[in-house]
Amino acid sequence: MNQPKIAQKTPFVIDVEAGKTYYWCACGASKKQPFCDGSHQGTEFVPLAYTAAETGKAAFCGCKHTKGQPMCDGSHKAL
């Protein structure tokens, strides 16, 4: 698997807590989207750690093709 699986073509808007670290799924195979569940094992993908700067909503990339990992940059519109 050299291309990530598209989990969905829209962002995952998640409530995050300031100072908490979240592990974004980069492979797209996790059953706990947008976060890692270890499904990347045996691939070249690794989860990306994201620590929230403030409490509120965050738009995590669902298509896994964003240039601004782990946040959505609208790349899904071109897929």
N, C-alpha and C. Protein backbone atom coordinates (compact mmCIF):
# COMPACT_ATOMS: atom_id res chain seq x y z
N MET A 1 0.86 -1.17 0.00
CA MET A 1 0.00 0.00 0.00
C MET A 1 0.90 1.23 0.00
N ASN A 2 1.06 1.87 -1.15
CA ASN A 2 1.89 3.06 -1.20
C ASN A 2 1.07 4.34 -1.26
N GLN A 3 -0.23 4.21 -1.44
CA GLN A 3 -1.15 5.34 -1.38
C GLN A 3 -2.12 5.08 -0.23
N PRO A 4 -2.44 6.11 0.54
CA PRO A 4 -3.38 5.89 1.64
C PRO A 4 -4.78 5.60 1.11
N LYS A 5 -5.52 4.84 1.88
CA LYS A 5 -6.92 4.56 1.57
C LYS A 5 -7.73 5.81 1.93
N ILE A 6 -8.65 6.20 1.07
CA ILE A 6 -9.50 7.35 1.35
C ILE A 6 -10.59 6.89 2.33
N ALA A 7 -10.52 7.39 3.55
CA ALA A 7 -11.51 7.02 4.56
C ALA A 7 -12.85 7.68 4.26
N GLN A 8 -12.82 8.96 3.89
CA GLN A 8 -14.00 9.68 3.42
C GLN A 8 -13.54 10.95 2.72
N LYS A 9 -14.37 11.48 1.86
CA LYS A 9 -13.98 12.65 1.08
C LYS A 9 -14.45 13.96 1.71
N THR A 10 -14.54 13.97 3.00
CA THR A 10 -14.83 15.18 3.78
C THR A 10 -14.00 15.10 5.06
N PRO A 11 -13.78 16.23 5.71
CA PRO A 11 -13.01 16.18 6.95
C PRO A 11 -13.81 15.57 8.10
N PHE A 12 -13.10 15.10 9.10
CA PHE A 12 -13.70 14.65 10.36
C PHE A 12 -13.60 15.83 11.31
N VAL A 13 -14.71 16.41 11.69
CA VAL A 13 -14.70 17.54 12.61
C VAL A 13 -14.86 16.97 14.02
N ILE A 14 -13.81 17.15 14.82
CA ILE A 14 -13.72 16.51 16.13
C ILE A 14 -13.53 17.57 17.22
N ASP A 15 -14.15 17.37 18.37
CA ASP A 15 -13.90 18.21 19.53
C ASP A 15 -12.57 17.77 20.13
N VAL A 16 -11.62 18.71 20.27
CA VAL A 16 -10.32 18.42 20.84
C VAL A 16 -10.13 19.23 22.12
N GLU A 17 -9.22 18.75 22.95
CA GLU A 17 -8.95 19.37 24.24
C GLU A 17 -7.52 19.91 24.26
N ALA A 18 -7.36 21.15 24.67
CA ALA A 18 -6.05 21.79 24.72
C ALA A 18 -5.05 20.93 25.50
N GLY A 19 -3.87 20.73 24.91
CA GLY A 19 -2.80 19.98 25.55
C GLY A 19 -2.87 18.47 25.35
N LYS A 20 -3.98 17.97 24.84
CA LYS A 20 -4.13 16.52 24.63
C LYS A 20 -3.54 16.15 23.26
N THR A 21 -2.87 15.01 23.21
CA THR A 21 -2.27 14.53 21.96
C THR A 21 -3.17 13.47 21.34
N TYR A 22 -3.38 13.63 20.03
CA TYR A 22 -4.19 12.72 19.24
C TYR A 22 -3.30 12.13 18.16
N TYR A 23 -3.54 10.89 17.77
CA TYR A 23 -2.73 10.22 16.75
C TYR A 23 -3.59 9.99 15.51
N TRP A 24 -3.35 10.84 14.50
CA TRP A 24 -4.11 10.82 13.26
C TRP A 24 -3.68 9.65 12.39
N CYS A 25 -4.64 8.92 11.87
CA CYS A 25 -4.40 7.80 10.96
C CYS A 25 -3.95 8.34 9.61
N ALA A 26 -2.77 7.95 9.16
CA ALA A 26 -2.24 8.38 7.86
C ALA A 26 -2.52 7.38 6.75
N CYS A 27 -2.81 6.12 7.12
CA CYS A 27 -2.98 5.07 6.10
C CYS A 27 -4.41 5.01 5.57
N GLY A 28 -5.38 5.44 6.38
CA GLY A 28 -6.78 5.40 5.98
C GLY A 28 -7.49 4.10 6.31
N ALA A 29 -6.80 3.13 6.87
CA ALA A 29 -7.40 1.83 7.14
C ALA A 29 -7.98 1.67 8.55
N SER A 30 -7.72 2.62 9.43
CA SER A 30 -8.20 2.54 10.81
C SER A 30 -9.71 2.45 10.86
N LYS A 31 -10.21 1.66 11.79
CA LYS A 31 -11.65 1.55 12.03
C LYS A 31 -12.11 2.64 13.01
N LYS A 32 -11.16 3.42 13.54
CA LYS A 32 -11.46 4.48 14.51
C LYS A 32 -11.14 5.85 13.93
N GLN A 33 -11.48 6.07 12.67
CA GLN A 33 -11.19 7.32 11.97
C GLN A 33 -11.67 8.54 12.75
N PRO A 34 -10.90 9.61 12.74
CA PRO A 34 -9.69 9.84 11.97
C PRO A 34 -8.43 9.42 12.70
N PHE A 35 -8.59 8.67 13.79
CA PHE A 35 -7.45 8.32 14.62
C PHE A 35 -6.95 6.90 14.37
N CYS A 36 -5.73 6.67 14.75
CA CYS A 36 -5.03 5.40 14.50
C CYS A 36 -5.53 4.29 15.42
N ASP A 37 -5.67 3.09 14.86
CA ASP A 37 -5.99 1.90 15.65
C ASP A 37 -4.94 0.80 15.42
N GLY A 38 -3.83 1.16 14.75
CA GLY A 38 -2.76 0.20 14.50
C GLY A 38 -2.86 -0.52 13.18
N SER A 39 -3.86 -0.20 12.36
CA SER A 39 -4.06 -0.88 11.08
C SER A 39 -2.91 -0.67 10.10
N HIS A 40 -2.05 0.30 10.34
CA HIS A 40 -0.93 0.59 9.45
C HIS A 40 0.20 -0.44 9.59
N GLN A 41 0.15 -1.30 10.59
CA GLN A 41 1.21 -2.28 10.82
C GLN A 41 1.50 -3.06 9.54
N GLY A 42 2.78 -3.14 9.18
CA GLY A 42 3.19 -3.85 7.97
C GLY A 42 3.19 -2.97 6.73
N THR A 43 2.91 -1.67 6.89
CA THR A 43 2.94 -0.73 5.77
C THR A 43 4.00 0.33 6.06
N GLU A 44 4.21 1.22 5.10
CA GLU A 44 5.17 2.31 5.31
C GLU A 44 4.54 3.49 6.05
N PHE A 45 3.26 3.43 6.35
CA PHE A 45 2.57 4.53 7.02
C PHE A 45 2.76 4.48 8.52
N VAL A 46 2.80 5.66 9.13
CA VAL A 46 2.86 5.78 10.59
C VAL A 46 1.87 6.88 10.99
N PRO A 47 1.27 6.76 12.16
CA PRO A 47 0.34 7.80 12.60
C PRO A 47 1.09 9.10 12.89
N LEU A 48 0.38 10.20 12.82
CA LEU A 48 0.96 11.51 13.09
C LEU A 48 0.41 12.04 14.39
N ALA A 49 1.31 12.39 15.32
CA ALA A 49 0.90 12.95 16.60
C ALA A 49 0.49 14.41 16.40
N TYR A 50 -0.63 14.79 16.99
CA TYR A 50 -1.13 16.16 16.94
C TYR A 50 -1.54 16.54 18.35
N THR A 51 -0.94 17.61 18.87
CA THR A 51 -1.31 18.11 20.18
C THR A 51 -2.12 19.39 20.00
N ALA A 52 -3.31 19.39 20.52
CA ALA A 52 -4.22 20.52 20.36
C ALA A 52 -3.71 21.73 21.14
N ALA A 53 -3.65 22.86 20.47
CA ALA A 53 -3.21 24.10 21.10
C ALA A 53 -4.32 24.71 21.96
N GLU A 54 -5.56 24.47 21.54
CA GLU A 54 -6.69 25.02 22.29
C GLU A 54 -7.87 24.05 22.21
N THR A 55 -8.76 24.19 23.14
CA THR A 55 -9.97 23.38 23.16
C THR A 55 -10.96 23.92 22.14
N GLY A 56 -11.58 23.03 21.39
CA GLY A 56 -12.55 23.43 20.38
C GLY A 56 -12.66 22.38 19.30
N LYS A 57 -13.14 22.78 18.15
CA LYS A 57 -13.32 21.86 17.02
C LYS A 57 -12.08 21.89 16.13
N ALA A 58 -11.74 20.73 15.59
CA ALA A 58 -10.62 20.61 14.66
C ALA A 58 -11.08 19.75 13.49
N ALA A 59 -10.70 20.14 12.27
CA ALA A 59 -11.10 19.42 11.05
C ALA A 59 -9.94 18.55 10.56
N PHE A 60 -9.95 17.28 10.97
CA PHE A 60 -8.91 16.34 10.57
C PHE A 60 -9.21 15.81 9.17
N CYS A 61 -8.17 15.67 8.35
CA CYS A 61 -8.31 15.19 6.99
C CYS A 61 -8.89 13.78 6.97
N GLY A 62 -9.89 13.57 6.12
CA GLY A 62 -10.50 12.25 5.96
C GLY A 62 -10.03 11.53 4.72
N CYS A 63 -9.55 12.29 3.72
CA CYS A 63 -9.13 11.66 2.46
C CYS A 63 -7.67 11.19 2.51
N LYS A 64 -6.92 11.68 3.50
CA LYS A 64 -5.52 11.30 3.73
C LYS A 64 -4.57 11.85 2.67
N HIS A 65 -5.01 12.81 1.86
CA HIS A 65 -4.18 13.39 0.82
C HIS A 65 -3.83 14.85 1.08
N THR A 66 -4.16 15.37 2.26
CA THR A 66 -3.87 16.75 2.60
C THR A 66 -2.37 17.04 2.59
N LYS A 67 -2.02 18.25 2.24
CA LYS A 67 -0.62 18.69 2.31
C LYS A 67 -0.32 19.23 3.70
N GLY A 68 -1.36 19.48 4.49
CA GLY A 68 -1.21 20.05 5.83
C GLY A 68 -1.52 19.06 6.93
N GLN A 69 -1.01 17.87 6.81
CA GLN A 69 -1.32 16.80 7.77
C GLN A 69 -1.18 17.28 9.21
N PRO A 70 -2.11 16.97 10.07
CA PRO A 70 -3.26 16.10 9.88
C PRO A 70 -4.55 16.85 9.54
N MET A 71 -4.45 18.15 9.34
CA MET A 71 -5.66 18.96 9.12
C MET A 71 -6.09 18.98 7.66
N CYS A 72 -7.39 19.09 7.45
CA CYS A 72 -7.96 19.16 6.11
C CYS A 72 -7.52 20.45 5.43
N ASP A 73 -7.09 20.35 4.18
CA ASP A 73 -6.74 21.54 3.38
C ASP A 73 -7.59 21.63 2.12
N GLY A 74 -8.62 20.79 2.03
CA GLY A 74 -9.51 20.82 0.87
C GLY A 74 -9.06 19.91 -0.26
N SER A 75 -8.01 19.13 -0.08
CA SER A 75 -7.51 18.24 -1.13
C SER A 75 -8.57 17.25 -1.62
N HIS A 76 -9.53 16.91 -0.77
CA HIS A 76 -10.57 15.95 -1.14
C HIS A 76 -11.41 16.44 -2.32
N LYS A 77 -11.43 17.73 -2.53
CA LYS A 77 -12.24 18.30 -3.64
C LYS A 77 -11.68 17.93 -5.00
N ALA A 78 -10.40 17.55 -5.06
CA ALA A 78 -9.75 17.19 -6.33
C ALA A 78 -9.71 15.68 -6.57
N LEU A 79 -10.24 14.90 -5.65
CA LEU A 79 -10.18 13.43 -5.79
C LEU A 79 -11.39 12.89 -6.52
